[in-house]
Amino acid sequence: MNQSAFPGFSGFPSAAVVGLYTRMMVVGAVMVAGSWAMAQPLTGNPKKGEEIYQQHCVRCHGTSGDGLGRDVKDLIVPPANFQALKSRSKTDMELLLAIKQGVLFSPMHGWGDRLSDQDIWMY
């Protein structure tokens, strides 16, 4: 009598199990590689970043980033104050997404159609 201690298990994994395991390993490798890539230091260019800020951001966010730019009087929702803890505690990815895609229910529109990711990282 050839009975296994595990009913339905013949000793070799099925093709479905092997396929699932392979997919899990690939997803895991991509996640590890992606997190490693995101953890690499980004090099900015302060001079270029200042030019971009002056051209696109200063009107709302102000020269010192306090959210008191010259256009603030025309806005219902005030711009972010970059000196406030709420802004300073955001991750680089949160800042990138806010600049690239905009902020819902605020005057902060997305700049992704006008600035490249590299331009946004210049800040």
C-alpha atoms as a PDB file:
ATOM      1  CA  MET A   1       0.000   0.000   0.000  1.00  0.00           C
ATOM      2  CA  ASN A   2       1.527   3.263  -1.134  1.00  0.00           C
ATOM      3  CA  GLN A   3      -0.182   5.924   0.967  1.00  0.00           C
ATOM      4  CA  SER A   4       1.380   9.280   1.578  1.00  0.00           C
ATOM      5  CA  ALA A   5       1.120  11.020   4.896  1.00  0.00           C
ATOM      6  CA  PHE A   6      -0.312  13.928   2.889  1.00  0.00           C
ATOM      7  CA  PRO A   7      -3.336  12.853   0.813  1.00  0.00           C
ATOM      8  CA  GLY A   8      -3.171  14.093  -2.768  1.00  0.00           C
ATOM      9  CA  PHE A   9       0.566  14.812  -2.551  1.00  0.00           C
ATOM     10  CA  SER A  10       2.648  12.651  -4.812  1.00  0.00           C
ATOM     11  CA  GLY A  11       6.012  14.080  -3.794  1.00  0.00           C
ATOM     12  CA  PHE A  12       6.376  16.541  -6.648  1.00  0.00           C
ATOM     13  CA  PRO A  13       4.726  19.956  -6.808  1.00  0.00           C
ATOM     14  CA  SER A  14       2.186  20.531  -9.531  1.00  0.00           C
ATOM     15  CA  ALA A  15       2.838  22.873 -12.426  1.00  0.00           C
ATOM     16  CA  ALA A  16       0.427  25.372 -10.862  1.00  0.00           C
ATOM     17  CA  VAL A  17       2.410  25.404  -7.621  1.00  0.00           C
ATOM     18  CA  VAL A  18       5.697  25.847  -9.487  1.00  0.00           C
ATOM     19  CA  GLY A  19       4.190  28.665 -11.556  1.00  0.00           C
ATOM     20  CA  LEU A  20       2.849  30.410  -8.447  1.00  0.00           C
ATOM     21  CA  TYR A  21       6.194  30.063  -6.691  1.00  0.00           C
ATOM     22  CA  THR A  22       8.018  31.447  -9.733  1.00  0.00           C
ATOM     23  CA  ARG A  23       5.679  34.447  -9.933  1.00  0.00           C
ATOM     24  CA  MET A  24       6.139  35.121  -6.210  1.00  0.00           C
ATOM     25  CA  MET A  25       9.922  35.034  -6.585  1.00  0.00           C
ATOM     26  CA  VAL A  26       9.846  37.435  -9.557  1.00  0.00           C
ATOM     27  CA  VAL A  27       7.539  39.880  -7.740  1.00  0.00           C
ATOM     28  CA  GLY A  28       9.768  39.696  -4.661  1.00  0.00           C
ATOM     29  CA  ALA A  29      12.897  40.370  -6.714  1.00  0.00           C
ATOM     30  CA  VAL A  30      11.249  43.360  -8.418  1.00  0.00           C
ATOM     31  CA  MET A  31      10.158  44.760  -5.054  1.00  0.00           C
ATOM     32  CA  VAL A  32      13.639  44.416  -3.586  1.00  0.00           C
ATOM     33  CA  ALA A  33      15.306  45.923  -6.660  1.00  0.00           C
ATOM     34  CA  GLY A  34      12.759  48.747  -6.789  1.00  0.00           C
ATOM     35  CA  SER A  35      13.180  49.619  -3.125  1.00  0.00           C
ATOM     36  CA  TRP A  36      16.956  49.549  -3.549  1.00  0.00           C
ATOM     37  CA  ALA A  37      16.723  51.905  -6.527  1.00  0.00           C
ATOM     38  CA  MET A  38      14.453  54.294  -4.609  1.00  0.00           C
ATOM     39  CA  ALA A  39      16.886  54.290  -1.681  1.00  0.00           C
ATOM     40  CA  GLN A  40      19.784  55.510  -3.805  1.00  0.00           C
ATOM     41  CA  PRO A  41      20.730  59.119  -3.167  1.00  0.00           C
ATOM     42  CA  LEU A  42      19.352  61.578  -5.660  1.00  0.00           C
ATOM     43  CA  THR A  43      21.632  64.307  -6.819  1.00  0.00           C
ATOM     44  CA  GLY A  44      20.027  67.667  -7.256  1.00  0.00           C
ATOM     45  CA  ASN A  45      21.193  70.823  -8.892  1.00  0.00           C
ATOM     46  CA  PRO A  46      20.391  73.708  -6.530  1.00  0.00           C
ATOM     47  CA  LYS A  47      20.971  76.382  -9.185  1.00  0.00           C
ATOM     48  CA  LYS A  48      18.649  74.687 -11.696  1.00  0.00           C
ATOM     49  CA  GLY A  49      16.152  73.962  -8.900  1.00  0.00           C
ATOM     50  CA  GLU A  50      16.120  77.643  -7.937  1.00  0.00           C
ATOM     51  CA  GLU A  51      15.457  78.618 -11.571  1.00  0.00           C
ATOM     52  CA  ILE A  52      12.545  76.160 -11.786  1.00  0.00           C
ATOM     53  CA  TYR A  53      11.141  77.338  -8.434  1.00  0.00           C
ATOM     54  CA  GLN A  54      11.345  81.007  -9.495  1.00  0.00           C
ATOM     55  CA  GLN A  55       9.697  80.260 -12.829  1.00  0.00           C
ATOM     56  CA  HIS A  56       6.851  77.990 -11.646  1.00  0.00           C
ATOM     57  CA  CYS A  57       6.373  78.110  -7.870  1.00  0.00           C
ATOM     58  CA  VAL A  58       7.250  81.453  -6.292  1.00  0.00           C
ATOM     59  CA  ARG A  59       3.962  83.149  -7.265  1.00  0.00           C
ATOM     60  CA  CYS A  60       2.008  80.900  -4.896  1.00  0.00           C
ATOM     61  CA  HIS A  61       4.558  79.524  -2.442  1.00  0.00           C
ATOM     62  CA  GLY A  62       6.555  82.735  -1.963  1.00  0.00           C
ATOM     63  CA  THR A  63      10.259  83.484  -2.133  1.00  0.00           C
ATOM     64  CA  SER A  64      10.946  81.775   1.191  1.00  0.00           C
ATOM     65  CA  GLY A  65       8.477  78.894   0.663  1.00  0.00           C
ATOM     66  CA  ASP A  66       6.107  80.165   3.362  1.00  0.00           C
ATOM     67  CA  GLY A  67       3.018  79.956   1.126  1.00  0.00           C
ATOM     68  CA  LEU A  68       2.661  83.746   0.982  1.00  0.00           C
ATOM     69  CA  GLY A  69       3.361  84.399  -2.688  1.00  0.00           C
ATOM     70  CA  ARG A  70       1.867  87.336  -4.564  1.00  0.00           C
ATOM     71  CA  ASP A  71      -1.032  85.229  -5.957  1.00  0.00           C
ATOM     72  CA  VAL A  72      -2.175  83.955  -2.532  1.00  0.00           C
ATOM     73  CA  LYS A  73      -4.851  86.679  -2.310  1.00  0.00           C
ATOM     74  CA  ASP A  74      -6.640  85.129  -5.310  1.00  0.00           C
ATOM     75  CA  LEU A  75      -6.723  81.576  -3.926  1.00  0.00           C
ATOM     76  CA  ILE A  76      -9.479  80.045  -1.817  1.00  0.00           C
ATOM     77  CA  VAL A  77      -7.195  77.279  -0.505  1.00  0.00           C
ATOM     78  CA  PRO A  78      -3.799  78.609   0.618  1.00  0.00           C
ATOM     79  CA  PRO A  79      -0.639  77.108  -0.896  1.00  0.00           C
ATOM     80  CA  ALA A  80       1.518  74.795   1.182  1.00  0.00           C
ATOM     81  CA  ASN A  81       3.928  76.415   3.615  1.00  0.00           C
ATOM     82  CA  PHE A  82       7.160  74.491   3.051  1.00  0.00           C
ATOM     83  CA  GLN A  83       8.505  75.728   6.396  1.00  0.00           C
ATOM     84  CA  ALA A  84       5.683  74.020   8.334  1.00  0.00           C
ATOM     85  CA  LEU A  85       6.230  70.592   9.901  1.00  0.00           C
ATOM     86  CA  LYS A  86       3.406  69.132   7.799  1.00  0.00           C
ATOM     87  CA  SER A  87       5.342  69.925   4.614  1.00  0.00           C
ATOM     88  CA  ARG A  88       8.814  69.149   5.949  1.00  0.00           C
ATOM     89  CA  SER A  89       7.735  65.685   7.130  1.00  0.00           C
ATOM     90  CA  LYS A  90       6.639  64.531   3.669  1.00  0.00           C
ATOM     91  CA  THR A  91       8.742  61.925   1.897  1.00  0.00           C
ATOM     92  CA  ASP A  92      10.492  62.654  -1.380  1.00  0.00           C
ATOM     93  CA  MET A  93       7.957  60.423  -3.132  1.00  0.00           C
ATOM     94  CA  GLU A  94       5.001  62.329  -1.626  1.00  0.00           C
ATOM     95  CA  LEU A  95       6.527  65.605  -2.791  1.00  0.00           C
ATOM     96  CA  LEU A  96       7.245  64.226  -6.261  1.00  0.00           C
ATOM     97  CA  LEU A  97       3.654  63.017  -6.651  1.00  0.00           C
ATOM     98  CA  ALA A  98       2.186  66.306  -5.376  1.00  0.00           C
ATOM     99  CA  ILE A  99       4.274  68.305  -7.848  1.00  0.00           C
ATOM    100  CA  LYS A 100       3.777  65.887 -10.718  1.00  0.00           C
ATOM    101  CA  GLN A 101       0.061  65.115 -10.286  1.00  0.00           C
ATOM    102  CA  GLY A 102      -1.189  68.074  -8.252  1.00  0.00           C
ATOM    103  CA  VAL A 103      -3.207  68.080  -5.031  1.00  0.00           C
ATOM    104  CA  LEU A 104      -6.910  67.290  -5.157  1.00  0.00           C
ATOM    105  CA  PHE A 105      -9.283  70.072  -4.034  1.00  0.00           C
ATOM    106  CA  SER A 106      -6.524  72.669  -4.018  1.00  0.00           C
ATOM    107  CA  PRO A 107      -5.109  75.169  -6.506  1.00  0.00           C
ATOM    108  CA  MET A 108      -1.961  73.037  -6.785  1.00  0.00           C
ATOM    109  CA  HIS A 109      -2.225  71.635 -10.282  1.00  0.00           C
ATOM    110  CA  GLY A 110       0.071  68.963 -11.632  1.00  0.00           C
ATOM    111  CA  TRP A 111       3.297  69.953 -13.348  1.00  0.00           C
ATOM    112  CA  GLY A 112       3.984  66.526 -14.855  1.00  0.00           C
ATOM    113  CA  ASP A 113       3.099  67.737 -18.337  1.00  0.00           C
ATOM    114  CA  ARG A 114       5.606  70.617 -18.103  1.00  0.00           C
ATOM    115  CA  LEU A 115       8.391  69.320 -15.843  1.00  0.00           C
ATOM    116  CA  SER A 116      10.289  66.057 -16.134  1.00  0.00           C
ATOM    117  CA  ASP A 117      10.918  63.887 -13.073  1.00  0.00           C
ATOM    118  CA  GLN A 118      14.541  65.025 -13.248  1.00  0.00           C
ATOM    119  CA  ASP A 119      13.436  68.680 -13.163  1.00  0.00           C
ATOM    120  CA  ILE A 120      11.239  67.982 -10.149  1.00  0.00           C
ATOM    121  CA  TRP A 121      14.122  66.243  -8.310  1.00  0.00           C
ATOM    122  CA  MET A 122      16.260  69.376  -8.798  1.00  0.00           C
ATOM    123  CA  TYR A 123      14.603  71.028  -5.805  1.00  0.00           C
END
